[in-house]
Structure formats: C-alpha cells, structure tokens
Amino acid sequence: MKALDALLNDWKDNDNQTRKAFSELVDHLKSLADTTLEFVSRPGVSYSLRPRHAAQAKRPLFAMVDVIDDDPDDRWLSVCFYGELVTDPQEAGDLVPEGLLGEDGYCFDMYEYDEQEVAYLKDRLTEAHSNAPE
C-alpha cells in the first residue's frame, strides 16, 4: 500500500508518539489471518485504515483505525468497532450511536502513546477479527 507507506515515511512523530502507536496497530492488523487492508487517504481530514476479514459478507470492515489529521503536527488516533464485535471490559471506549457506517460502534481515542492502551486496542482488534465472520 503505497499511500500507507507514504504516510508512515512522511509522518514525523512528536512527543505524543501517536505515529508509533499507529504503526504498532498496523503491524498487528497485518499479522491477523485472512485479513485485507484498505487505506483511505484524506489529507487534512483523516487517514483511515480499514481491515476486513475474508469471511465477512455484509460489512466492508471489522474496525476502522483513523489518524485524525486536523493538525498534521499533532495527529491523534480514533479506533472504532461495531458494537457487537467487541467487548470493552475497561470501559475505555465511547459508545457512538450510528457512528460506524450507520451502525452503533465503540470508538477509542488516543492522543499519546501508552503501551497498555495500545495492547488493549490490539486485543479489541483481535476480538473484532474473531467475531467478524458472518
């Protein structure tokens, strides 16, 4: 994915290290079996990574990992899931009615790198991946 590689190559991380967090989430998604990745680039708005399980028929993705680009010098992440595909035992996410392609979802915003938060999001990605086949 040239556009994804270009984003990662051009993105100069700051003290918040959100590039590091995004990169780790990308690597995790790439490690999940039967998963394809779509990347939607909208500079100045967002960069959206959309993983899809090969066994999904009704939905185009099982999660959305967005880099919010409203301030390119201070990007942050929003990681969203369909509500029924994940649990949130730490209640760290925000329930967003009709927030993911018109369906209820959970979104987790990350403004700075936190190893435990990244691990939690990787667990949610794995869970959504496991529950995605329809």
N, C-alpha and C. Protein backbone atom coordinates (compact mmCIF):
# COMPACT_ATOMS: atom_id res chain seq x y z
N MET A 1 0.84 -1.18 0.00
CA MET A 1 0.00 0.00 0.00
C MET A 1 0.88 1.24 0.00
N LYS A 2 1.02 1.81 -1.14
CA LYS A 2 1.91 2.95 -1.28
C LYS A 2 1.48 4.14 -0.44
N ALA A 3 0.18 4.42 -0.40
CA ALA A 3 -0.30 5.59 0.36
C ALA A 3 -0.04 5.42 1.86
N LEU A 4 -0.22 4.22 2.37
CA LEU A 4 0.06 3.96 3.79
C LEU A 4 1.55 4.10 4.07
N ASP A 5 2.37 3.51 3.20
CA ASP A 5 3.82 3.64 3.36
C ASP A 5 4.26 5.10 3.30
N ALA A 6 3.65 5.86 2.40
CA ALA A 6 4.00 7.28 2.27
C ALA A 6 3.65 8.04 3.55
N LEU A 7 2.47 7.75 4.12
CA LEU A 7 2.09 8.41 5.38
C LEU A 7 3.12 8.11 6.46
N LEU A 8 3.44 6.83 6.62
CA LEU A 8 4.38 6.45 7.68
C LEU A 8 5.77 7.04 7.44
N ASN A 9 6.21 7.09 6.20
CA ASN A 9 7.53 7.66 5.89
C ASN A 9 7.58 9.17 6.09
N ASP A 10 6.48 9.85 5.78
CA ASP A 10 6.46 11.32 5.85
C ASP A 10 6.10 11.85 7.23
N TRP A 11 5.50 11.01 8.06
CA TRP A 11 4.99 11.43 9.36
C TRP A 11 6.16 11.52 10.34
N LYS A 12 6.45 12.72 10.77
CA LYS A 12 7.49 12.94 11.79
C LYS A 12 6.80 12.91 13.15
N ASP A 13 7.11 11.90 13.93
CA ASP A 13 6.46 11.74 15.23
C ASP A 13 6.90 12.85 16.17
N ASN A 14 6.02 13.21 17.09
CA ASN A 14 6.36 14.20 18.11
C ASN A 14 6.39 13.51 19.48
N ASP A 15 6.41 14.28 20.54
CA ASP A 15 6.50 13.71 21.88
C ASP A 15 5.31 12.82 22.23
N ASN A 16 4.17 13.02 21.56
CA ASN A 16 2.99 12.20 21.83
C ASN A 16 3.13 10.79 21.28
N GLN A 17 3.99 10.61 20.31
CA GLN A 17 4.29 9.30 19.72
C GLN A 17 3.05 8.57 19.16
N THR A 18 2.11 9.33 18.60
CA THR A 18 0.95 8.67 18.01
C THR A 18 1.33 7.91 16.74
N ARG A 19 2.40 8.32 16.05
CA ARG A 19 2.85 7.56 14.89
C ARG A 19 3.29 6.16 15.33
N LYS A 20 4.00 6.10 16.45
CA LYS A 20 4.44 4.81 16.98
C LYS A 20 3.23 3.92 17.30
N ALA A 21 2.22 4.49 17.92
CA ALA A 21 1.02 3.72 18.26
C ALA A 21 0.34 3.22 16.98
N PHE A 22 0.19 4.10 16.00
CA PHE A 22 -0.45 3.71 14.74
C PHE A 22 0.34 2.61 14.05
N SER A 23 1.64 2.75 14.01
CA SER A 23 2.50 1.76 13.37
C SER A 23 2.35 0.39 14.03
N GLU A 24 2.27 0.36 15.34
CA GLU A 24 2.10 -0.91 16.05
C GLU A 24 0.73 -1.53 15.75
N LEU A 25 -0.29 -0.71 15.64
CA LEU A 25 -1.62 -1.22 15.31
C LEU A 25 -1.65 -1.76 13.87
N VAL A 26 -0.98 -1.07 12.96
CA VAL A 26 -0.89 -1.53 11.57
C VAL A 26 -0.20 -2.89 11.52
N ASP A 27 0.92 -3.02 12.21
CA ASP A 27 1.65 -4.29 12.23
C ASP A 27 0.78 -5.41 12.80
N HIS A 28 0.01 -5.09 13.83
CA HIS A 28 -0.87 -6.10 14.42
C HIS A 28 -1.93 -6.55 13.41
N LEU A 29 -2.54 -5.59 12.73
CA LEU A 29 -3.55 -5.94 11.73
C LEU A 29 -2.96 -6.79 10.61
N LYS A 30 -1.75 -6.47 10.21
CA LYS A 30 -1.10 -7.24 9.15
C LYS A 30 -0.83 -8.67 9.59
N SER A 31 -0.76 -8.91 10.90
CA SER A 31 -0.47 -10.26 11.41
C SER A 31 -1.71 -11.14 11.51
N LEU A 32 -2.90 -10.56 11.39
CA LEU A 32 -4.13 -11.32 11.54
C LEU A 32 -4.43 -12.10 10.25
N ALA A 33 -4.74 -13.37 10.39
CA ALA A 33 -5.00 -14.23 9.24
C ALA A 33 -6.26 -13.79 8.50
N ASP A 34 -6.27 -14.05 7.20
CA ASP A 34 -7.45 -13.81 6.36
C ASP A 34 -7.94 -12.37 6.44
N THR A 35 -7.01 -11.44 6.51
CA THR A 35 -7.36 -10.03 6.64
C THR A 35 -6.77 -9.24 5.48
N THR A 36 -7.61 -8.42 4.89
CA THR A 36 -7.13 -7.47 3.89
C THR A 36 -7.27 -6.07 4.47
N LEU A 37 -6.45 -5.16 3.98
CA LEU A 37 -6.47 -3.79 4.48
C LEU A 37 -6.76 -2.83 3.34
N GLU A 38 -7.68 -1.92 3.59
CA GLU A 38 -7.96 -0.83 2.68
C GLU A 38 -7.49 0.45 3.36
N PHE A 39 -6.91 1.35 2.59
CA PHE A 39 -6.41 2.61 3.16
C PHE A 39 -7.04 3.77 2.40
N VAL A 40 -7.72 4.64 3.14
CA VAL A 40 -8.38 5.80 2.55
C VAL A 40 -7.67 7.05 3.05
N SER A 41 -7.07 7.78 2.12
CA SER A 41 -6.27 8.95 2.45
C SER A 41 -7.05 10.22 2.15
N ARG A 42 -7.27 11.03 3.19
CA ARG A 42 -7.90 12.32 3.04
C ARG A 42 -7.07 13.35 3.80
N PRO A 43 -5.93 13.79 3.21
CA PRO A 43 -5.04 14.73 3.91
C PRO A 43 -5.80 15.96 4.42
N GLY A 44 -5.45 16.34 5.65
CA GLY A 44 -6.11 17.46 6.28
C GLY A 44 -7.37 17.07 7.03
N VAL A 45 -7.83 15.84 6.81
CA VAL A 45 -9.02 15.33 7.49
C VAL A 45 -8.66 14.07 8.27
N SER A 46 -8.36 12.98 7.53
CA SER A 46 -8.00 11.72 8.19
C SER A 46 -7.34 10.77 7.20
N TYR A 47 -6.66 9.80 7.79
CA TYR A 47 -6.12 8.66 7.07
C TYR A 47 -6.76 7.45 7.73
N SER A 48 -7.47 6.66 6.97
CA SER A 48 -8.29 5.60 7.54
C SER A 48 -7.84 4.23 7.06
N LEU A 49 -7.47 3.38 8.00
CA LEU A 49 -7.10 2.00 7.71
C LEU A 49 -8.29 1.12 8.07
N ARG A 50 -8.76 0.34 7.08
CA ARG A 50 -9.99 -0.43 7.25
C ARG A 50 -9.72 -1.91 7.00
N PRO A 51 -9.58 -2.68 8.07
CA PRO A 51 -9.36 -4.12 7.92
C PRO A 51 -10.67 -4.87 7.67
N ARG A 52 -10.57 -5.90 6.84
CA ARG A 52 -11.72 -6.74 6.52
C ARG A 52 -11.30 -8.20 6.60
N HIS A 53 -12.15 -8.99 7.24
CA HIS A 53 -11.92 -10.43 7.33
C HIS A 53 -12.45 -11.06 6.04
N ALA A 54 -11.74 -12.05 5.52
CA ALA A 54 -12.14 -12.70 4.27
C ALA A 54 -13.54 -13.31 4.35
N ALA A 55 -13.99 -13.67 5.55
CA ALA A 55 -15.30 -14.31 5.71
C ALA A 55 -16.42 -13.31 5.99
N GLN A 56 -16.16 -12.03 5.85
CA GLN A 56 -17.21 -11.04 6.03
C GLN A 56 -17.99 -10.90 4.73
N ALA A 57 -19.32 -10.91 4.84
CA ALA A 57 -20.16 -10.77 3.65
C ALA A 57 -20.98 -9.49 3.68
N LYS A 58 -21.44 -9.09 4.85
CA LYS A 58 -22.37 -7.96 4.95
C LYS A 58 -21.67 -6.62 5.16
N ARG A 59 -20.53 -6.64 5.78
CA ARG A 59 -19.86 -5.39 6.14
C ARG A 59 -18.52 -5.28 5.42
N PRO A 60 -18.11 -4.04 5.10
CA PRO A 60 -16.85 -3.85 4.39
C PRO A 60 -15.61 -3.84 5.30
N LEU A 61 -15.81 -3.92 6.62
CA LEU A 61 -14.69 -3.84 7.55
C LEU A 61 -15.10 -4.38 8.90
N PHE A 62 -14.11 -4.66 9.76
CA PHE A 62 -14.44 -5.05 11.15
C PHE A 62 -13.94 -4.02 12.15
N ALA A 63 -13.18 -3.06 11.67
CA ALA A 63 -12.70 -1.97 12.52
C ALA A 63 -12.27 -0.83 11.60
N MET A 64 -12.05 0.32 12.20
CA MET A 64 -11.54 1.46 11.46
C MET A 64 -10.49 2.13 12.35
N VAL A 65 -9.27 2.19 11.84
CA VAL A 65 -8.17 2.81 12.58
C VAL A 65 -7.83 4.10 11.86
N ASP A 66 -8.27 5.21 12.43
CA ASP A 66 -8.12 6.52 11.79
C ASP A 66 -7.03 7.36 12.44
N VAL A 67 -6.24 7.98 11.58
CA VAL A 67 -5.32 9.02 12.01
C VAL A 67 -6.05 10.34 11.71
N ILE A 68 -6.35 11.08 12.75
CA ILE A 68 -7.05 12.35 12.57
C ILE A 68 -6.01 13.42 12.25
N ASP A 69 -6.20 14.05 11.09
CA ASP A 69 -5.18 14.93 10.51
C ASP A 69 -5.59 16.40 10.52
N ASP A 70 -6.44 16.79 11.48
CA ASP A 70 -6.85 18.20 11.52
C ASP A 70 -5.69 19.12 11.86
N ASP A 71 -4.68 18.60 12.52
CA ASP A 71 -3.43 19.32 12.78
C ASP A 71 -2.27 18.35 12.51
N PRO A 72 -1.67 18.40 11.31
CA PRO A 72 -0.63 17.42 10.95
C PRO A 72 0.56 17.38 11.92
N ASP A 73 0.75 18.43 12.70
CA ASP A 73 1.83 18.43 13.68
C ASP A 73 1.41 17.79 15.00
N ASP A 74 0.11 17.50 15.15
CA ASP A 74 -0.39 16.92 16.39
C ASP A 74 -1.53 15.94 16.08
N ARG A 75 -1.21 14.91 15.32
CA ARG A 75 -2.21 13.92 14.92
C ARG A 75 -2.59 13.04 16.11
N TRP A 76 -3.82 12.56 16.08
CA TRP A 76 -4.29 11.63 17.10
C TRP A 76 -5.05 10.51 16.42
N LEU A 77 -5.33 9.45 17.17
CA LEU A 77 -5.96 8.26 16.61
C LEU A 77 -7.37 8.07 17.15
N SER A 78 -8.21 7.55 16.29
CA SER A 78 -9.55 7.13 16.68
C SER A 78 -9.75 5.72 16.11
N VAL A 79 -9.94 4.76 17.00
CA VAL A 79 -10.08 3.37 16.61
C VAL A 79 -11.50 2.94 16.94
N CYS A 80 -12.25 2.56 15.89
CA CYS A 80 -13.67 2.28 16.07
C CYS A 80 -14.02 0.86 15.64
N PHE A 81 -15.05 0.33 16.31
CA PHE A 81 -15.51 -1.04 16.08
C PHE A 81 -17.04 -1.05 16.06
N TYR A 82 -17.61 -2.04 15.38
CA TYR A 82 -19.04 -2.28 15.51
C TYR A 82 -19.30 -2.74 16.94
N GLY A 83 -20.37 -2.25 17.53
CA GLY A 83 -20.66 -2.51 18.93
C GLY A 83 -20.73 -3.98 19.31
N GLU A 84 -21.31 -4.81 18.44
CA GLU A 84 -21.47 -6.22 18.82
C GLU A 84 -20.23 -7.06 18.54
N LEU A 85 -19.20 -6.48 17.94
CA LEU A 85 -17.99 -7.27 17.64
C LEU A 85 -16.95 -7.22 18.75
N VAL A 86 -17.10 -6.28 19.70
CA VAL A 86 -16.10 -6.16 20.75
C VAL A 86 -16.74 -5.98 22.12
N THR A 87 -15.96 -6.34 23.12
CA THR A 87 -16.31 -6.01 24.50
C THR A 87 -15.38 -4.86 24.90
N ASP A 88 -15.71 -4.22 25.98
CA ASP A 88 -14.88 -3.12 26.49
C ASP A 88 -14.81 -3.24 28.01
N PRO A 89 -14.11 -4.27 28.50
CA PRO A 89 -14.10 -4.52 29.94
C PRO A 89 -13.57 -3.35 30.78
N GLN A 90 -12.71 -2.54 30.21
CA GLN A 90 -12.19 -1.39 30.96
C GLN A 90 -13.05 -0.14 30.78
N GLU A 91 -14.10 -0.26 29.98
CA GLU A 91 -14.98 0.88 29.68
C GLU A 91 -14.18 2.09 29.23
N ALA A 92 -13.22 1.82 28.34
CA ALA A 92 -12.33 2.87 27.85
C ALA A 92 -12.86 3.56 26.59
N GLY A 93 -13.80 2.91 25.92
CA GLY A 93 -14.32 3.44 24.67
C GLY A 93 -15.57 4.28 24.88
N ASP A 94 -15.93 4.99 23.83
CA ASP A 94 -17.17 5.77 23.83
C ASP A 94 -18.15 5.10 22.90
N LEU A 95 -19.36 4.86 23.40
CA LEU A 95 -20.42 4.32 22.55
C LEU A 95 -20.88 5.44 21.62
N VAL A 96 -20.86 5.16 20.32
CA VAL A 96 -21.24 6.16 19.33
C VAL A 96 -22.42 5.61 18.53
N PRO A 97 -23.65 6.08 18.86
CA PRO A 97 -24.82 5.60 18.12
C PRO A 97 -24.68 5.92 16.62
N GLU A 98 -24.85 4.88 15.80
CA GLU A 98 -24.76 5.00 14.35
C GLU A 98 -23.42 5.61 13.91
N GLY A 99 -22.38 5.39 14.73
CA GLY A 99 -21.09 6.04 14.49
C GLY A 99 -20.15 5.33 13.55
N LEU A 100 -20.46 4.09 13.19
CA LEU A 100 -19.58 3.36 12.28
C LEU A 100 -20.41 2.89 11.10
N LEU A 101 -20.30 3.62 10.02
CA LEU A 101 -21.04 3.33 8.79
C LEU A 101 -22.52 3.10 9.07
N GLY A 102 -23.09 3.95 9.93
CA GLY A 102 -24.50 3.90 10.23
C GLY A 102 -24.92 2.91 11.30
N GLU A 103 -23.97 2.18 11.86
CA GLU A 103 -24.28 1.23 12.94
C GLU A 103 -23.64 1.70 14.24
N ASP A 104 -24.22 1.26 15.36
CA ASP A 104 -23.66 1.62 16.66
C ASP A 104 -22.25 1.07 16.77
N GLY A 105 -21.38 1.86 17.36
CA GLY A 105 -20.00 1.43 17.48
C GLY A 105 -19.37 1.93 18.76
N TYR A 106 -18.17 1.42 19.00
CA TYR A 106 -17.32 1.89 20.09
C TYR A 106 -16.11 2.54 19.46
N CYS A 107 -15.77 3.73 19.94
CA CYS A 107 -14.57 4.41 19.46
C CYS A 107 -13.64 4.68 20.64
N PHE A 108 -12.36 4.47 20.39
CA PHE A 108 -11.32 4.68 21.38
C PHE A 108 -10.37 5.73 20.81
N ASP A 109 -10.26 6.87 21.47
CA ASP A 109 -9.39 7.94 21.01
C ASP A 109 -8.07 7.90 21.77
N MET A 110 -6.98 8.10 21.02
CA MET A 110 -5.65 8.07 21.63
C MET A 110 -4.89 9.33 21.20
N TYR A 111 -4.50 10.11 22.20
CA TYR A 111 -3.81 11.37 21.94
C TYR A 111 -2.31 11.28 22.17
N GLU A 112 -1.89 10.21 22.86
CA GLU A 112 -0.47 9.98 23.06
C GLU A 112 -0.24 8.49 23.28
N TYR A 113 0.98 8.08 22.98
CA TYR A 113 1.32 6.66 23.09
C TYR A 113 1.25 6.20 24.54
N ASP A 114 0.60 5.07 24.72
CA ASP A 114 0.53 4.42 26.01
C ASP A 114 0.57 2.91 25.73
N GLU A 115 1.61 2.25 26.21
CA GLU A 115 1.82 0.84 25.90
C GLU A 115 0.63 -0.02 26.28
N GLN A 116 0.03 0.23 27.45
CA GLN A 116 -1.11 -0.56 27.90
C GLN A 116 -2.34 -0.28 27.03
N GLU A 117 -2.52 0.96 26.63
CA GLU A 117 -3.65 1.31 25.78
C GLU A 117 -3.51 0.67 24.39
N VAL A 118 -2.30 0.67 23.86
CA VAL A 118 -2.06 0.03 22.57
C VAL A 118 -2.34 -1.47 22.68
N ALA A 119 -1.89 -2.10 23.75
CA ALA A 119 -2.14 -3.53 23.96
C ALA A 119 -3.65 -3.80 24.06
N TYR A 120 -4.37 -2.93 24.74
CA TYR A 120 -5.83 -3.06 24.88
C TYR A 120 -6.50 -2.97 23.50
N LEU A 121 -6.04 -2.02 22.68
CA LEU A 121 -6.61 -1.87 21.34
C LEU A 121 -6.27 -3.08 20.46
N LYS A 122 -5.08 -3.61 20.59
CA LYS A 122 -4.73 -4.82 19.84
C LYS A 122 -5.66 -5.97 20.24
N ASP A 123 -5.96 -6.09 21.53
CA ASP A 123 -6.89 -7.13 21.99
C ASP A 123 -8.28 -6.92 21.38
N ARG A 124 -8.73 -5.67 21.30
CA ARG A 124 -10.04 -5.37 20.70
C ARG A 124 -10.01 -5.69 19.20
N LEU A 125 -8.91 -5.39 18.52
CA LEU A 125 -8.79 -5.71 17.10
C LEU A 125 -8.85 -7.22 16.87
N THR A 126 -8.15 -7.97 17.71
CA THR A 126 -8.18 -9.43 17.61
C THR A 126 -9.58 -9.95 17.87
N GLU A 127 -10.25 -9.39 18.86
CA GLU A 127 -11.60 -9.81 19.19
C GLU A 127 -12.56 -9.51 18.03
N ALA A 128 -12.49 -8.32 17.47
CA ALA A 128 -13.36 -7.96 16.34
C ALA A 128 -13.07 -8.86 15.14
N HIS A 129 -11.81 -9.15 14.91
CA HIS A 129 -11.41 -10.04 13.82
C HIS A 129 -12.03 -11.43 14.01
N SER A 130 -12.00 -11.93 15.24
CA SER A 130 -12.56 -13.26 15.54
C SER A 130 -14.08 -13.28 15.37
N ASN A 131 -14.73 -12.16 15.67
CA ASN A 131 -16.19 -12.10 15.60
C ASN A 131 -16.72 -11.62 14.25
N ALA A 132 -15.83 -11.24 13.35
CA ALA A 132 -16.26 -10.64 12.08
C ALA A 132 -16.87 -11.61 11.07
N PRO A 133 -16.42 -12.87 11.02
CA PRO A 133 -17.01 -13.77 10.01
C PRO A 133 -18.53 -13.86 10.15
N GLU A 134 -19.19 -13.78 8.99
CA GLU A 134 -20.67 -13.76 9.02
C GLU A 134 -21.24 -15.03 8.41
